[in-house]
Amino acid sequence: MITVLFFAKYKEELQTDQLQLDWQPGWQTLGDVRDHLARRGAPWTLLDDPTLMCALNQEMCPLGTPIQAGDELVFFPMVTGG
């Protein structure tokens, strides 16, 4: 099982802040989980956003980062400001 958290606009648009997903044998990277969720259709396709930021076990990382059962994934929008 993995935990997926959503922050800011993703939390609002998806109307959830957390999912518990059963581990799928084909998952190798954070991007695989993102793709799995996006295939659910609208509004999950929002996760195809090229500015999507992600973290694995509280460390920012790219979508190509390897994952394993028990991990915590976080999807959030790019933060800007000045």
PDB file of N, CA and C in Angstrom:
ATOM      1  N   MET A   1       0.853  -1.173   0.000  1.00  0.00           N
ATOM      2  CA  MET A   1       0.000   0.000   0.000  1.00  0.00           C
ATOM      3  C   MET A   1       0.897   1.233   0.000  1.00  0.00           C
ATOM      4  N   ILE A   2       0.438   2.288  -0.659  1.00  0.00           N
ATOM      5  CA  ILE A   2       1.114   3.576  -0.604  1.00  0.00           C
ATOM      6  C   ILE A   2       0.096   4.653  -0.244  1.00  0.00           C
ATOM      7  N   THR A   3       0.588   5.731   0.311  1.00  0.00           N
ATOM      8  CA  THR A   3      -0.236   6.884   0.649  1.00  0.00           C
ATOM      9  C   THR A   3       0.081   7.986  -0.343  1.00  0.00           C
ATOM     10  N   VAL A   4      -0.961   8.598  -0.890  1.00  0.00           N
ATOM     11  CA  VAL A   4      -0.788   9.717  -1.813  1.00  0.00           C
ATOM     12  C   VAL A   4      -1.509  10.920  -1.224  1.00  0.00           C
ATOM     13  N   LEU A   5      -0.779  12.015  -1.048  1.00  0.00           N
ATOM     14  CA  LEU A   5      -1.341  13.255  -0.518  1.00  0.00           C
ATOM     15  C   LEU A   5      -1.432  14.289  -1.624  1.00  0.00           C
ATOM     16  N   PHE A   6      -2.449  15.143  -1.546  1.00  0.00           N
ATOM     17  CA  PHE A   6      -2.659  16.213  -2.518  1.00  0.00           C
ATOM     18  C   PHE A   6      -2.769  17.535  -1.781  1.00  0.00           C
ATOM     19  N   PHE A   7      -2.088  18.566  -2.291  1.00  0.00           N
ATOM     20  CA  PHE A   7      -2.120  19.885  -1.669  1.00  0.00           C
ATOM     21  C   PHE A   7      -2.625  20.936  -2.649  1.00  0.00           C
ATOM     22  N   ALA A   8      -3.116  22.032  -2.089  1.00  0.00           N
ATOM     23  CA  ALA A   8      -3.521  23.242  -2.827  1.00  0.00           C
ATOM     24  C   ALA A   8      -4.544  22.903  -3.913  1.00  0.00           C
ATOM     25  N   LYS A   9      -4.299  23.355  -5.163  1.00  0.00           N
ATOM     26  CA  LYS A   9      -5.319  23.203  -6.209  1.00  0.00           C
ATOM     27  C   LYS A   9      -5.655  21.746  -6.490  1.00  0.00           C
ATOM     28  N   TYR A  10      -4.707  20.834  -6.307  1.00  0.00           N
ATOM     29  CA  TYR A  10      -5.002  19.419  -6.544  1.00  0.00           C
ATOM     30  C   TYR A  10      -5.976  18.896  -5.490  1.00  0.00           C
ATOM     31  N   LYS A  11      -5.768  19.278  -4.259  1.00  0.00           N
ATOM     32  CA  LYS A  11      -6.682  18.898  -3.175  1.00  0.00           C
ATOM     33  C   LYS A  11      -8.083  19.435  -3.455  1.00  0.00           C
ATOM     34  N   GLU A  12      -8.161  20.690  -3.889  1.00  0.00           N
ATOM     35  CA  GLU A  12      -9.462  21.315  -4.151  1.00  0.00           C
ATOM     36  C   GLU A  12     -10.164  20.682  -5.341  1.00  0.00           C
ATOM     37  N   GLU A  13      -9.453  20.529  -6.455  1.00  0.00           N
ATOM     38  CA  GLU A  13     -10.068  20.009  -7.679  1.00  0.00           C
ATOM     39  C   GLU A  13     -10.428  18.522  -7.573  1.00  0.00           C
ATOM     40  N   LEU A  14      -9.602  17.760  -6.884  1.00  0.00           N
ATOM     41  CA  LEU A  14      -9.854  16.324  -6.747  1.00  0.00           C
ATOM     42  C   LEU A  14     -10.790  16.006  -5.588  1.00  0.00           C
ATOM     43  N   GLN A  15     -11.056  17.005  -4.763  1.00  0.00           N
ATOM     44  CA  GLN A  15     -11.952  16.893  -3.610  1.00  0.00           C
ATOM     45  C   GLN A  15     -11.517  15.795  -2.633  1.00  0.00           C
ATOM     46  N   THR A  16     -10.212  15.672  -2.495  1.00  0.00           N
ATOM     47  CA  THR A  16      -9.642  14.760  -1.502  1.00  0.00           C
ATOM     48  C   THR A  16      -8.235  15.233  -1.177  1.00  0.00           C
ATOM     49  N   ASP A  17      -7.807  14.963   0.023  1.00  0.00           N
ATOM     50  CA  ASP A  17      -6.438  15.335   0.379  1.00  0.00           C
ATOM     51  C   ASP A  17      -5.538  14.116   0.532  1.00  0.00           C
ATOM     52  N   GLN A  18      -6.135  12.913   0.468  1.00  0.00           N
ATOM     53  CA  GLN A  18      -5.325  11.718   0.683  1.00  0.00           C
ATOM     54  C   GLN A  18      -5.992  10.489   0.093  1.00  0.00           C
ATOM     55  N   LEU A  19      -5.181   9.604  -0.459  1.00  0.00           N
ATOM     56  CA  LEU A  19      -5.635   8.298  -0.931  1.00  0.00           C
ATOM     57  C   LEU A  19      -4.706   7.229  -0.374  1.00  0.00           C
ATOM     58  N   GLN A  20      -5.264   6.081  -0.104  1.00  0.00           N
ATOM     59  CA  GLN A  20      -4.482   4.886   0.208  1.00  0.00           C
ATOM     60  C   GLN A  20      -4.675   3.953  -0.983  1.00  0.00           C
ATOM     61  N   LEU A  21      -3.594   3.622  -1.665  1.00  0.00           N
ATOM     62  CA  LEU A  21      -3.681   2.777  -2.851  1.00  0.00           C
ATOM     63  C   LEU A  21      -2.984   1.450  -2.605  1.00  0.00           C
ATOM     64  N   ASP A  22      -3.628   0.372  -3.039  1.00  0.00           N
ATOM     65  CA  ASP A  22      -2.976  -0.934  -2.988  1.00  0.00           C
ATOM     66  C   ASP A  22      -1.820  -0.933  -3.980  1.00  0.00           C
ATOM     67  N   TRP A  23      -0.713  -1.504  -3.589  1.00  0.00           N
ATOM     68  CA  TRP A  23       0.475  -1.558  -4.427  1.00  0.00           C
ATOM     69  C   TRP A  23       0.179  -2.351  -5.702  1.00  0.00           C
ATOM     70  N   GLN A  24       0.610  -1.815  -6.843  1.00  0.00           N
ATOM     71  CA  GLN A  24       0.451  -2.472  -8.133  1.00  0.00           C
ATOM     72  C   GLN A  24       1.826  -2.945  -8.606  1.00  0.00           C
ATOM     73  N   PRO A  25       1.945  -4.186  -9.047  1.00  0.00           N
ATOM     74  CA  PRO A  25       3.252  -4.732  -9.432  1.00  0.00           C
ATOM     75  C   PRO A  25       3.977  -3.931 -10.518  1.00  0.00           C
ATOM     76  N   GLY A  26       3.266  -3.273 -11.402  1.00  0.00           N
ATOM     77  CA  GLY A  26       3.903  -2.528 -12.485  1.00  0.00           C
ATOM     78  C   GLY A  26       4.465  -1.173 -12.089  1.00  0.00           C
ATOM     79  N   TRP A  27       4.168  -0.736 -10.894  1.00  0.00           N
ATOM     80  CA  TRP A  27       4.652   0.576 -10.461  1.00  0.00           C
ATOM     81  C   TRP A  27       6.135   0.505 -10.130  1.00  0.00           C
ATOM     82  N   GLN A  28       6.891   1.409 -10.764  1.00  0.00           N
ATOM     83  CA  GLN A  28       8.317   1.499 -10.484  1.00  0.00           C
ATOM     84  C   GLN A  28       8.715   2.898 -10.032  1.00  0.00           C
ATOM     85  N   THR A  29       7.992   3.912 -10.539  1.00  0.00           N
ATOM     86  CA  THR A  29       8.352   5.299 -10.238  1.00  0.00           C
ATOM     87  C   THR A  29       7.137   6.084  -9.765  1.00  0.00           C
ATOM     88  N   LEU A  30       7.413   7.237  -9.218  1.00  0.00           N
ATOM     89  CA  LEU A  30       6.352   8.148  -8.801  1.00  0.00           C
ATOM     90  C   LEU A  30       5.463   8.496 -10.001  1.00  0.00           C
ATOM     91  N   GLY A  31       6.078   8.645 -11.171  1.00  0.00           N
ATOM     92  CA  GLY A  31       5.326   8.938 -12.388  1.00  0.00           C
ATOM     93  C   GLY A  31       4.343   7.841 -12.763  1.00  0.00           C
ATOM     94  N   ASP A  32       4.671   6.594 -12.458  1.00  0.00           N
ATOM     95  CA  ASP A  32       3.746   5.492 -12.740  1.00  0.00           C
ATOM     96  C   ASP A  32       2.457   5.650 -11.940  1.00  0.00           C
ATOM     97  N   VAL A  33       2.571   6.075 -10.695  1.00  0.00           N
ATOM     98  CA  VAL A  33       1.387   6.291  -9.861  1.00  0.00           C
ATOM     99  C   VAL A  33       0.602   7.484 -10.384  1.00  0.00           C
ATOM    100  N   ARG A  34       1.298   8.560 -10.736  1.00  0.00           N
ATOM    101  CA  ARG A  34       0.630   9.733 -11.306  1.00  0.00           C
ATOM    102  C   ARG A  34      -0.145   9.331 -12.558  1.00  0.00           C
ATOM    103  N   ASP A  35       0.481   8.554 -13.446  1.00  0.00           N
ATOM    104  CA  ASP A  35      -0.185   8.112 -14.675  1.00  0.00           C
ATOM    105  C   ASP A  35      -1.402   7.245 -14.359  1.00  0.00           C
ATOM    106  N   HIS A  36      -1.278   6.360 -13.394  1.00  0.00           N
ATOM    107  CA  HIS A  36      -2.391   5.498 -12.972  1.00  0.00           C
ATOM    108  C   HIS A  36      -3.587   6.348 -12.538  1.00  0.00           C
ATOM    109  N   LEU A  37      -3.322   7.379 -11.749  1.00  0.00           N
ATOM    110  CA  LEU A  37      -4.400   8.251 -11.272  1.00  0.00           C
ATOM    111  C   LEU A  37      -4.990   9.073 -12.416  1.00  0.00           C
ATOM    112  N   ALA A  38      -4.150   9.597 -13.297  1.00  0.00           N
ATOM    113  CA  ALA A  38      -4.628  10.426 -14.408  1.00  0.00           C
ATOM    114  C   ALA A  38      -5.528   9.629 -15.356  1.00  0.00           C
ATOM    115  N   ARG A  39      -5.285   8.328 -15.475  1.00  0.00           N
ATOM    116  CA  ARG A  39      -6.117   7.484 -16.349  1.00  0.00           C
ATOM    117  C   ARG A  39      -7.541   7.323 -15.826  1.00  0.00           C
ATOM    118  N   ARG A  40      -7.806   7.765 -14.606  1.00  0.00           N
ATOM    119  CA  ARG A  40      -9.172   7.723 -14.071  1.00  0.00           C
ATOM    120  C   ARG A  40     -10.088   8.688 -14.815  1.00  0.00           C
ATOM    121  N   GLY A  41      -9.518   9.606 -15.577  1.00  0.00           N
ATOM    122  CA  GLY A  41     -10.314  10.604 -16.291  1.00  0.00           C
ATOM    123  C   GLY A  41     -10.496  11.850 -15.443  1.00  0.00           C
ATOM    124  N   ALA A  42     -11.330  12.761 -15.944  1.00  0.00           N
ATOM    125  CA  ALA A  42     -11.556  14.035 -15.249  1.00  0.00           C
ATOM    126  C   ALA A  42     -12.151  13.765 -13.875  1.00  0.00           C
ATOM    127  N   PRO A  43     -11.723  14.495 -12.866  1.00  0.00           N
ATOM    128  CA  PRO A  43     -10.753  15.590 -12.826  1.00  0.00           C
ATOM    129  C   PRO A  43      -9.309  15.135 -12.637  1.00  0.00           C
ATOM    130  N   TRP A  44      -9.066  13.811 -12.590  1.00  0.00           N
ATOM    131  CA  TRP A  44      -7.727  13.289 -12.304  1.00  0.00           C
ATOM    132  C   TRP A  44      -6.701  13.633 -13.374  1.00  0.00           C
ATOM    133  N   THR A  45      -7.156  13.943 -14.584  1.00  0.00           N
ATOM    134  CA  THR A  45      -6.226  14.342 -15.641  1.00  0.00           C
ATOM    135  C   THR A  45      -5.493  15.629 -15.279  1.00  0.00           C
ATOM    136  N   LEU A  46      -5.990  16.342 -14.290  1.00  0.00           N
ATOM    137  CA  LEU A  46      -5.311  17.536 -13.777  1.00  0.00           C
ATOM    138  C   LEU A  46      -3.872  17.203 -13.371  1.00  0.00           C
ATOM    139  N   LEU A  47      -3.613  15.975 -12.995  1.00  0.00           N
ATOM    140  CA  LEU A  47      -2.270  15.570 -12.575  1.00  0.00           C
ATOM    141  C   LEU A  47      -1.279  15.496 -13.733  1.00  0.00           C
ATOM    142  N   ASP A  48      -1.755  15.610 -14.967  1.00  0.00           N
ATOM    143  CA  ASP A  48      -0.862  15.666 -16.130  1.00  0.00           C
ATOM    144  C   ASP A  48      -0.214  17.039 -16.275  1.00  0.00           C
ATOM    145  N   ASP A  49      -0.476  17.935 -15.365  1.00  0.00           N
ATOM    146  CA  ASP A  49       0.056  19.299 -15.365  1.00  0.00           C
ATOM    147  C   ASP A  49       1.590  19.272 -15.428  1.00  0.00           C
ATOM    148  N   PRO A  50       2.199  19.933 -16.434  1.00  0.00           N
ATOM    149  CA  PRO A  50       3.663  19.932 -16.537  1.00  0.00           C
ATOM    150  C   PRO A  50       4.355  20.667 -15.389  1.00  0.00           C
ATOM    151  N   THR A  51       3.611  21.463 -14.624  1.00  0.00           N
ATOM    152  CA  THR A  51       4.216  22.169 -13.489  1.00  0.00           C
ATOM    153  C   THR A  51       4.023  21.415 -12.174  1.00  0.00           C
ATOM    154  N   LEU A  52       3.458  20.209 -12.252  1.00  0.00           N
ATOM    155  CA  LEU A  52       3.241  19.379 -11.063  1.00  0.00           C
ATOM    156  C   LEU A  52       4.558  19.170 -10.319  1.00  0.00           C
ATOM    157  N   MET A  53       4.521  19.379  -9.027  1.00  0.00           N
ATOM    158  CA  MET A  53       5.674  19.121  -8.167  1.00  0.00           C
ATOM    159  C   MET A  53       5.344  17.880  -7.338  1.00  0.00           C
ATOM    160  N   CYS A  54       6.373  17.176  -6.912  1.00  0.00           N
ATOM    161  CA  CYS A  54       6.113  15.980  -6.124  1.00  0.00           C
ATOM    162  C   CYS A  54       7.201  15.758  -5.086  1.00  0.00           C
ATOM    163  N   ALA A  55       6.820  14.972  -4.109  1.00  0.00           N
ATOM    164  CA  ALA A  55       7.740  14.604  -3.039  1.00  0.00           C
ATOM    165  C   ALA A  55       7.524  13.134  -2.707  1.00  0.00           C
ATOM    166  N   LEU A  56       8.586  12.518  -2.260  1.00  0.00           N
ATOM    167  CA  LEU A  56       8.545  11.124  -1.841  1.00  0.00           C
ATOM    168  C   LEU A  56       9.112  11.054  -0.435  1.00  0.00           C
ATOM    169  N   ASN A  57       8.284  10.603   0.489  1.00  0.00           N
ATOM    170  CA  ASN A  57       8.706  10.495   1.891  1.00  0.00           C
ATOM    171  C   ASN A  57       9.310  11.805   2.398  1.00  0.00           C
ATOM    172  N   GLN A  58       8.608  12.902   2.083  1.00  0.00           N
ATOM    173  CA  GLN A  58       8.922  14.255   2.547  1.00  0.00           C
ATOM    174  C   GLN A  58      10.182  14.852   1.932  1.00  0.00           C
ATOM    175  N   GLU A  59      10.622  14.319   0.774  1.00  0.00           N
ATOM    176  CA  GLU A  59      11.759  14.871   0.038  1.00  0.00           C
ATOM    177  C   GLU A  59      11.306  15.180  -1.380  1.00  0.00           C
ATOM    178  N   MET A  60      11.482  16.430  -1.820  1.00  0.00           N
ATOM    179  CA  MET A  60      11.119  16.774  -3.190  1.00  0.00           C
ATOM    180  C   MET A  60      11.934  15.914  -4.153  1.00  0.00           C
ATOM    181  N   CYS A  61      11.283  15.514  -5.258  1.00  0.00           N
ATOM    182  CA  CYS A  61      11.947  14.625  -6.211  1.00  0.00           C
ATOM    183  C   CYS A  61      11.253  14.709  -7.567  1.00  0.00           C
ATOM    184  N   PRO A  62      11.905  14.218  -8.631  1.00  0.00           N
ATOM    185  CA  PRO A  62      11.275  14.176  -9.950  1.00  0.00           C
ATOM    186  C   PRO A  62      10.349  12.960 -10.083  1.00  0.00           C
ATOM    187  N   LEU A  63       9.511  12.985 -11.111  1.00  0.00           N
ATOM    188  CA  LEU A  63       8.564  11.894 -11.344  1.00  0.00           C
ATOM    189  C   LEU A  63       9.248  10.557 -11.614  1.00  0.00           C
ATOM    190  N   GLY A  64      10.489  10.576 -12.052  1.00  0.00           N
ATOM    191  CA  GLY A  64      11.208   9.341 -12.350  1.00  0.00           C
ATOM    192  C   GLY A  64      11.803   8.651 -11.140  1.00  0.00           C
ATOM    193  N   THR A  65      11.544   9.172  -9.953  1.00  0.00           N
ATOM    194  CA  THR A  65      12.106   8.604  -8.727  1.00  0.00           C
ATOM    195  C   THR A  65      11.485   7.241  -8.417  1.00  0.00           C
ATOM    196  N   PRO A  66      12.315   6.219  -8.151  1.00  0.00           N
ATOM    197  CA  PRO A  66      11.790   4.896  -7.802  1.00  0.00           C
ATOM    198  C   PRO A  66      10.979   4.934  -6.505  1.00  0.00           C
ATOM    199  N   ILE A  67       9.946   4.095  -6.464  1.00  0.00           N
ATOM    200  CA  ILE A  67       9.082   3.998  -5.280  1.00  0.00           C
ATOM    201  C   ILE A  67       8.982   2.545  -4.848  1.00  0.00           C
ATOM    202  N   GLN A  68       8.471   2.367  -3.635  1.00  0.00           N
ATOM    203  CA  GLN A  68       8.209   1.015  -3.139  1.00  0.00           C
ATOM    204  C   GLN A  68       6.987   1.047  -2.231  1.00  0.00           C
ATOM    205  N   ALA A  69       6.440  -0.119  -1.978  1.00  0.00           N
ATOM    206  CA  ALA A  69       5.286  -0.219  -1.083  1.00  0.00           C
ATOM    207  C   ALA A  69       5.635   0.421   0.252  1.00  0.00           C
ATOM    208  N   GLY A  70       4.660   1.138   0.821  1.00  0.00           N
ATOM    209  CA  GLY A  70       4.850   1.811   2.097  1.00  0.00           C
ATOM    210  C   GLY A  70       5.259   3.268   1.975  1.00  0.00           C
ATOM    211  N   ASP A  71       5.589   3.712   0.756  1.00  0.00           N
ATOM    212  CA  ASP A  71       6.006   5.099   0.556  1.00  0.00           C
ATOM    213  C   ASP A  71       4.847   6.070   0.695  1.00  0.00           C
ATOM    214  N   GLU A  72       5.198   7.333   0.965  1.00  0.00           N
ATOM    215  CA  GLU A  72       4.240   8.439   0.975  1.00  0.00           C
ATOM    216  C   GLU A  72       4.597   9.365  -0.179  1.00  0.00           C
ATOM    217  N   LEU A  73       3.649   9.559  -1.095  1.00  0.00           N
ATOM    218  CA  LEU A  73       3.828  10.428  -2.248  1.00  0.00           C
ATOM    219  C   LEU A  73       3.006  11.680  -2.044  1.00  0.00           C
ATOM    220  N   VAL A  74       3.516  12.810  -2.509  1.00  0.00           N
ATOM    221  CA  VAL A  74       2.791  14.076  -2.397  1.00  0.00           C
ATOM    222  C   VAL A  74       2.807  14.763  -3.753  1.00  0.00           C
ATOM    223  N   PHE A  75       1.645  15.239  -4.190  1.00  0.00           N
ATOM    224  CA  PHE A  75       1.531  16.039  -5.406  1.00  0.00           C
ATOM    225  C   PHE A  75       1.058  17.427  -5.016  1.00  0.00           C
ATOM    226  N   PHE A  76       1.746  18.450  -5.533  1.00  0.00           N
ATOM    227  CA  PHE A  76       1.408  19.833  -5.202  1.00  0.00           C
ATOM    228  C   PHE A  76       1.824  20.737  -6.356  1.00  0.00           C
ATOM    229  N   PRO A  77       1.205  21.924  -6.464  1.00  0.00           N
ATOM    230  CA  PRO A  77       1.560  22.835  -7.550  1.00  0.00           C
ATOM    231  C   PRO A  77       2.875  23.560  -7.265  1.00  0.00           C
ATOM    232  N   MET A  78       3.480  24.049  -8.336  1.00  0.00           N
ATOM    233  CA  MET A  78       4.686  24.842  -8.197  1.00  0.00           C
ATOM    234  C   MET A  78       4.365  26.076  -7.363  1.00  0.00           C
ATOM    235  N   VAL A  79       5.231  26.387  -6.432  1.00  0.00           N
ATOM    236  CA  VAL A  79       5.042  27.537  -5.556  1.00  0.00           C
ATOM    237  C   VAL A  79       5.828  28.705  -6.128  1.00  0.00           C
ATOM    238  N   THR A  80       5.149  29.846  -6.255  1.00  0.00           N
ATOM    239  CA  THR A  80       5.825  31.046  -6.741  1.00  0.00           C
ATOM    240  C   THR A  80       5.608  32.163  -5.745  1.00  0.00           C
ATOM    241  N   GLY A  81       6.379  33.163  -5.869  1.00  0.00           N
ATOM    242  CA  GLY A  81       6.222  34.300  -4.967  1.00  0.00           C
ATOM    243  C   GLY A  81       7.440  35.190  -5.030  1.00  0.00           C
ATOM    244  N   GLY A  82       7.383  36.221  -4.254  1.00  0.00           N
ATOM    245  CA  GLY A  82       8.522  37.125  -4.318  1.00  0.00           C
ATOM    246  C   GLY A  82       8.741  37.818  -3.005  1.00  0.00           C
TER     247      GLY A  82
END
